[in-house]
Structures are given as C-alpha cells and as structure tokens.
Amino acid sequence: MAYTELLRLRVVHTYYGDGPGDLVVRPLDPAEFTRAALLLRRDGAEVVVLGPKDDRPADVALLVLGENPALITATRAVIWEDLSITRLTLAKDDWQFGEGQPARIARPLGDQRALGGVKVALASDEGRVVTLRFDSEDVIWVYHVLGSVADRKLAVTDPDGVVSFEDLGHTALPNGMNARVLRARQGIAIRARPTQKFTLQQSEGLRPQTLVPVLPAPALDTLKPFHDAGSSAHLQADIYISLN
C-alpha cells in the first residue's frame, strides 16, 4: 500500500508564546483511525497524518491535550463538561480553536487533559498544511503581601504603563495572617513566560522605595473563578509575597 502525506498540522497556544509547549495530538477515535489505515507522526513542532494514497478519507479527527491538566482552565473556548470539536473546512488553513459552531461530544471519564478536538477536512488530491491556534484566558492578578510591610503605603506598578492595580486594603487569610491585597484592574493573558515585570513599591517618604523589583507571575494551578460584571476576565490568580 502506497502512503502519502494527507495533513501537516501545527498547533500553537499563546500560553507558550513562541515556544513549542507540551501539547500532544492524538487520534480522536483510535479504532477509526486504524480502520482508515492512517498513521500519525511527529515532525518537530508539527504533526503529520499519513494515509493511503488511493483511498484517502474525507476528513481526519484529532484530539489535542496538554501535559499539564491545569491548562484546560487557562484556555479559551474549552468546555469542561464535554469536548468541543472544531470543524476545519477547506475554506482556509489558519484556524482558531472554537471558531464557527463546534460540535460537542461526551468527555471520557477521567479525561482531565484534553483541550478539545478538531475534524480536519482533507483535500482530494494533495496534502493540507493547517495551523490551529489556542488562546489563553485573561486573568486578574492579585498580590497578597504579608509581613511587616503590609501596613505601609504599597503600590504595584507597571513600568510599561499598561496595567494598573488597586489597593483593596487588608484581609485575613485562613491561617490567621493579615495580608495587604493589591489587584489588577485589567485581565492579563496568562503565559508560561510573561512579558510583564510588575514592581512592588513603598510610597512613604519623599521618593518611592522599590521593595520587589520584579514580582512573580501566577502559576496555572493558582487559577480560580473571578466574578465581576464590569470585567471581561473570568479567572483570578492569587500570588503571595512575604516580606519582613
């Protein structure tokens, strides 16, 4: 049986920026994939589907997973209860996950890593080269400052002047400690290597004093729901800073 390249798929996620990330592509239905005599190969940052040259299927269904289960929370258009299946027609070769009217299928029990699936239409006489893009959710960053500095005049500043923070005052943590809460007013797309370099400053005295030159960014496993009718962000990340 003569094989040919049916599809070359590049999957990217804004969480990883320009990096390859840890996304995995598998057949959506392995049994059906086998019946169609298809093969899946990894070629660098791309996935290649090989199939019979003279008996190619009309489409191929693939599943995209993240090695980190928390990536589901941080990805737009992901459906928790079911799997969203985006149809990639022949109309174009650059697609956004969730575009159009995705179908929905039951999510297998125990499957906590699948971002979703795609059904890619194949050309009848040549291979396709397709890009599938996933976007990160916008997240409200919340800094909780602990220690003796929590009672001082504090501010989180953005050297780029894009993101501003509001001082929400003090709050008692479950462990009984007192924390100063400084929350971003805008949602920020979460990334593995964020470009933001926020600074914690103390504004007492004639000149602001820098306490932390570059504050840490949130991790995927810190995300939780955020409810504010005036914000487009639906997630919040809590980041704890302890200073004496």
Protein backbone atom coordinates (compact mmCIF):
# COMPACT_ATOMS: atom_id res chain seq x y z
CA MET A 1 0.00 0.00 0.00
CA ALA A 2 1.43 3.37 -1.05
CA TYR A 3 1.25 6.07 1.64
CA THR A 4 1.22 9.83 1.23
CA GLU A 5 1.10 12.87 3.49
CA LEU A 6 -2.54 13.87 3.99
CA LEU A 7 -2.16 16.54 6.65
CA ARG A 8 0.53 18.56 8.34
CA LEU A 9 -0.92 20.22 11.44
CA ARG A 10 0.78 22.90 13.53
CA VAL A 11 -0.82 23.50 16.93
CA VAL A 12 0.14 26.63 18.88
CA HIS A 13 -1.01 28.07 22.21
CA THR A 14 -0.47 31.67 23.34
CA TYR A 15 0.35 30.34 26.83
CA TYR A 16 3.65 29.08 25.44
CA GLY A 17 4.33 32.12 23.25
CA ASP A 18 6.90 31.22 20.59
CA GLY A 19 7.92 28.05 22.42
CA PRO A 20 6.84 24.55 21.42
CA GLY A 21 4.94 23.92 24.65
CA ASP A 22 3.84 20.47 25.78
CA LEU A 23 0.75 19.96 23.63
CA VAL A 24 0.05 16.42 22.47
CA VAL A 25 -2.02 15.42 19.42
CA ARG A 26 -3.68 12.00 19.21
CA PRO A 27 -6.42 10.38 17.13
CA LEU A 28 -9.85 11.29 18.50
CA ASP A 29 -11.03 7.74 17.82
CA PRO A 30 -8.02 5.39 17.67
CA ALA A 31 -10.10 2.48 16.34
CA GLU A 32 -11.48 4.54 13.46
CA PHE A 33 -8.01 5.89 12.76
CA THR A 34 -6.70 2.35 12.46
CA ARG A 35 -9.57 1.21 10.22
CA ALA A 36 -8.76 4.06 7.83
CA ALA A 37 -5.12 2.84 7.78
CA LEU A 38 -3.88 6.22 8.97
CA LEU A 39 -0.57 6.90 10.70
CA LEU A 40 0.35 9.78 13.00
CA ARG A 41 3.90 11.10 13.13
CA ARG A 42 5.58 13.99 14.94
CA ASP A 43 7.83 16.20 12.84
CA GLY A 44 9.38 18.87 15.06
CA ALA A 45 6.59 21.26 16.11
CA GLU A 46 4.14 19.73 13.64
CA VAL A 47 2.02 16.59 13.49
CA VAL A 48 1.82 14.68 10.21
CA VAL A 49 -1.01 12.34 9.21
CA LEU A 50 -0.11 9.74 6.60
CA GLY A 51 -2.68 7.67 4.74
CA PRO A 52 -3.31 5.52 1.68
CA LYS A 53 -2.58 7.42 -1.50
CA ASP A 54 -5.50 5.96 -3.46
CA ASP A 55 -8.06 5.63 -0.65
CA ARG A 56 -7.88 8.79 1.39
CA PRO A 57 -10.71 9.65 3.84
CA ALA A 58 -12.75 12.85 3.56
CA ASP A 59 -11.55 14.07 6.94
CA VAL A 60 -9.49 13.15 9.99
CA ALA A 61 -10.43 13.67 13.64
CA LEU A 62 -7.72 14.55 16.16
CA LEU A 63 -7.59 15.29 19.89
CA VAL A 64 -5.35 17.98 21.44
CA LEU A 65 -4.17 17.52 25.02
CA GLY A 66 -1.99 19.47 27.42
CA GLU A 67 0.52 17.62 29.60
CA ASN A 68 -0.47 19.94 32.45
CA PRO A 69 -4.15 19.35 33.38
CA ALA A 70 -4.43 22.95 34.61
CA LEU A 71 -4.00 24.19 31.02
CA ILE A 72 -7.70 23.44 30.46
CA THR A 73 -8.64 26.20 32.90
CA ALA A 74 -6.36 28.71 31.17
CA THR A 75 -7.57 28.02 27.62
CA ARG A 76 -10.39 29.88 25.89
CA ALA A 77 -13.31 28.00 24.29
CA VAL A 78 -12.68 24.84 26.31
CA ILE A 79 -15.84 23.14 27.59
CA TRP A 80 -15.44 21.45 30.96
CA GLU A 81 -18.38 19.06 30.79
CA ASP A 82 -17.92 17.95 27.16
CA LEU A 83 -15.33 18.00 24.42
CA SER A 84 -15.65 20.75 21.83
CA ILE A 85 -14.89 19.62 18.26
CA THR A 86 -13.94 22.40 15.86
CA ARG A 87 -14.52 21.72 12.16
CA LEU A 88 -11.60 22.85 9.97
CA THR A 89 -13.05 23.09 6.48
CA LEU A 90 -11.16 23.65 3.24
CA ALA A 91 -12.13 27.34 3.32
CA LYS A 92 -8.81 28.37 4.92
CA ASP A 93 -5.69 26.95 6.54
CA ASP A 94 -5.37 29.08 9.69
CA TRP A 95 -7.96 28.37 12.38
CA GLN A 96 -8.82 29.42 15.91
CA PHE A 97 -9.99 26.70 18.27
CA GLY A 98 -13.71 27.13 18.93
CA GLU A 99 -14.27 29.03 15.69
CA GLY A 100 -17.60 28.59 13.93
CA GLN A 101 -20.13 26.29 15.57
CA PRO A 102 -18.19 23.47 17.23
CA ALA A 103 -19.84 20.14 17.85
CA ARG A 104 -19.88 18.66 21.34
CA ILE A 105 -19.25 15.10 22.41
CA ALA A 106 -19.11 13.50 25.84
CA ARG A 107 -15.80 13.89 27.61
CA PRO A 108 -14.40 10.47 28.57
CA LEU A 109 -14.44 9.80 32.29
CA GLY A 110 -11.15 10.68 33.93
CA ASP A 111 -10.00 12.75 30.94
CA GLN A 112 -8.68 15.92 32.54
CA ARG A 113 -6.07 16.93 29.95
CA ALA A 114 -7.97 17.18 26.66
CA LEU A 115 -8.42 20.75 25.44
CA GLY A 116 -10.68 19.66 22.60
CA GLY A 117 -10.79 18.07 19.19
CA VAL A 118 -10.70 19.02 15.54
CA LYS A 119 -12.20 17.44 12.46
CA VAL A 120 -10.00 18.43 9.56
CA ALA A 121 -11.35 18.20 6.01
CA LEU A 122 -8.78 16.70 3.64
CA ALA A 123 -8.09 17.73 0.06
CA SER A 124 -8.93 15.10 -2.54
CA ASP A 125 -5.68 15.32 -4.47
CA GLU A 126 -2.98 16.81 -2.22
CA GLY A 127 -1.88 17.21 1.38
CA ARG A 128 -3.02 20.09 3.58
CA VAL A 129 -0.91 22.31 5.83
CA VAL A 130 -3.06 23.71 8.66
CA THR A 131 -2.42 25.85 11.74
CA LEU A 132 -4.66 25.53 14.81
CA ARG A 133 -4.41 28.26 17.43
CA PHE A 134 -5.41 28.14 21.10
CA ASP A 135 -5.69 31.36 23.14
CA SER A 136 -5.03 31.90 26.83
CA GLU A 137 -7.72 33.26 29.10
CA ASP A 138 -7.35 36.73 30.62
CA VAL A 139 -6.61 36.52 34.34
CA ILE A 140 -6.87 39.08 37.14
CA TRP A 141 -3.58 39.03 39.07
CA VAL A 142 -4.00 39.52 42.83
CA TYR A 143 -0.96 40.08 45.05
CA HIS A 144 -1.27 39.30 48.76
CA VAL A 145 1.56 40.97 50.65
CA LEU A 146 2.40 39.54 54.07
CA GLY A 147 4.79 40.61 56.77
CA SER A 148 5.61 43.90 58.47
CA VAL A 149 5.36 45.87 55.20
CA ALA A 150 1.66 45.02 54.84
CA ASP A 151 0.71 48.10 56.90
CA ARG A 152 2.73 50.54 54.80
CA LYS A 153 1.67 52.53 51.73
CA LEU A 154 2.18 49.97 49.00
CA ALA A 155 1.62 50.00 45.27
CA VAL A 156 2.18 47.62 42.38
CA THR A 157 3.39 49.49 39.33
CA ASP A 158 3.81 48.56 35.68
CA PRO A 159 6.91 50.10 34.04
CA ASP A 160 5.14 49.81 30.68
CA GLY A 161 2.13 51.77 31.95
CA VAL A 162 -0.37 49.23 30.61
CA VAL A 163 -1.75 47.54 33.73
CA SER A 164 -2.85 49.37 36.87
CA PHE A 165 -3.52 47.92 40.32
CA GLU A 166 -6.00 48.89 43.02
CA ASP A 167 -5.40 48.66 46.75
CA LEU A 168 -8.16 46.59 48.34
CA GLY A 169 -6.82 47.01 51.85
CA HIS A 170 -6.28 44.20 54.33
CA THR A 171 -7.78 40.75 54.52
CA ALA A 172 -7.43 37.89 56.98
CA LEU A 173 -6.13 34.68 55.44
CA PRO A 174 -7.41 31.24 56.52
CA ASN A 175 -4.24 30.72 58.56
CA GLY A 176 -4.98 33.87 60.53
CA MET A 177 -2.26 36.00 58.93
CA ASN A 178 -3.06 39.52 57.75
CA ALA A 179 -2.37 40.34 54.10
CA ARG A 180 -2.49 43.51 52.02
CA VAL A 181 -4.34 42.90 48.75
CA LEU A 182 -3.34 44.65 45.52
CA ARG A 183 -5.44 43.63 42.50
CA ALA A 184 -5.01 44.31 38.79
CA ARG A 185 -7.80 46.32 37.20
CA GLN A 186 -7.36 44.60 33.83
CA GLY A 187 -7.19 40.97 32.84
CA ILE A 188 -3.82 39.71 31.64
CA ALA A 189 -3.42 36.76 29.27
CA ILE A 190 -1.64 34.09 31.27
CA ARG A 191 1.64 32.84 29.79
CA ALA A 192 4.40 30.44 30.73
CA ARG A 193 6.91 33.28 30.31
CA PRO A 194 5.01 36.54 30.84
CA THR A 195 6.43 39.77 29.50
CA GLN A 196 5.01 41.85 32.38
CA LYS A 197 7.52 42.95 35.02
CA PHE A 198 5.49 44.49 37.82
CA THR A 199 7.21 46.19 40.74
CA LEU A 200 6.19 46.43 44.39
CA GLN A 201 6.90 49.88 45.81
CA GLN A 202 6.54 51.60 49.16
CA SER A 203 5.38 55.18 48.67
CA GLU A 204 6.18 56.54 52.14
CA GLY A 205 8.80 59.28 52.22
CA LEU A 206 9.92 61.70 49.55
CA ARG A 207 10.67 59.07 46.93
CA PRO A 208 9.09 55.64 46.30
CA GLN A 209 11.19 52.75 47.52
CA THR A 210 11.31 49.57 45.48
CA LEU A 211 10.68 46.54 47.67
CA VAL A 212 10.47 43.89 44.91
CA PRO A 213 11.91 44.90 41.51
CA VAL A 214 10.13 42.12 39.58
CA LEU A 215 7.12 40.45 41.16
CA PRO A 216 6.41 36.78 40.38
CA ALA A 217 3.76 35.82 37.86
CA PRO A 218 0.94 33.37 38.62
CA ALA A 219 1.17 29.64 38.01
CA LEU A 220 -1.53 27.64 36.23
CA ASP A 221 -2.58 25.84 39.41
CA THR A 222 -3.41 29.12 41.19
CA LEU A 223 -6.36 30.00 38.93
CA LYS A 224 -9.87 30.24 40.33
CA PRO A 225 -13.16 31.85 39.18
CA PHE A 226 -13.42 35.64 39.21
CA HIS A 227 -16.84 37.31 39.26
CA ASP A 228 -17.12 40.97 38.31
CA ALA A 229 -19.78 42.19 35.90
CA GLY A 230 -17.51 45.02 34.80
CA SER A 231 -14.61 42.78 33.77
CA SER A 232 -14.14 40.56 30.73
CA ALA A 233 -11.84 38.30 32.77
CA HIS A 234 -13.39 35.25 34.43
CA LEU A 235 -10.33 33.96 36.28
CA GLN A 236 -8.24 35.20 39.20
CA ALA A 237 -4.75 34.19 40.29
CA ASP A 238 -3.58 34.71 43.88
CA ILE A 239 0.13 35.40 44.36
CA TYR A 240 1.60 35.60 47.87
CA ILE A 241 4.56 37.79 48.75
CA SER A 242 6.12 37.57 52.22
CA LEU A 243 8.41 40.45 53.31
CA ASN A 244 9.79 41.26 56.74
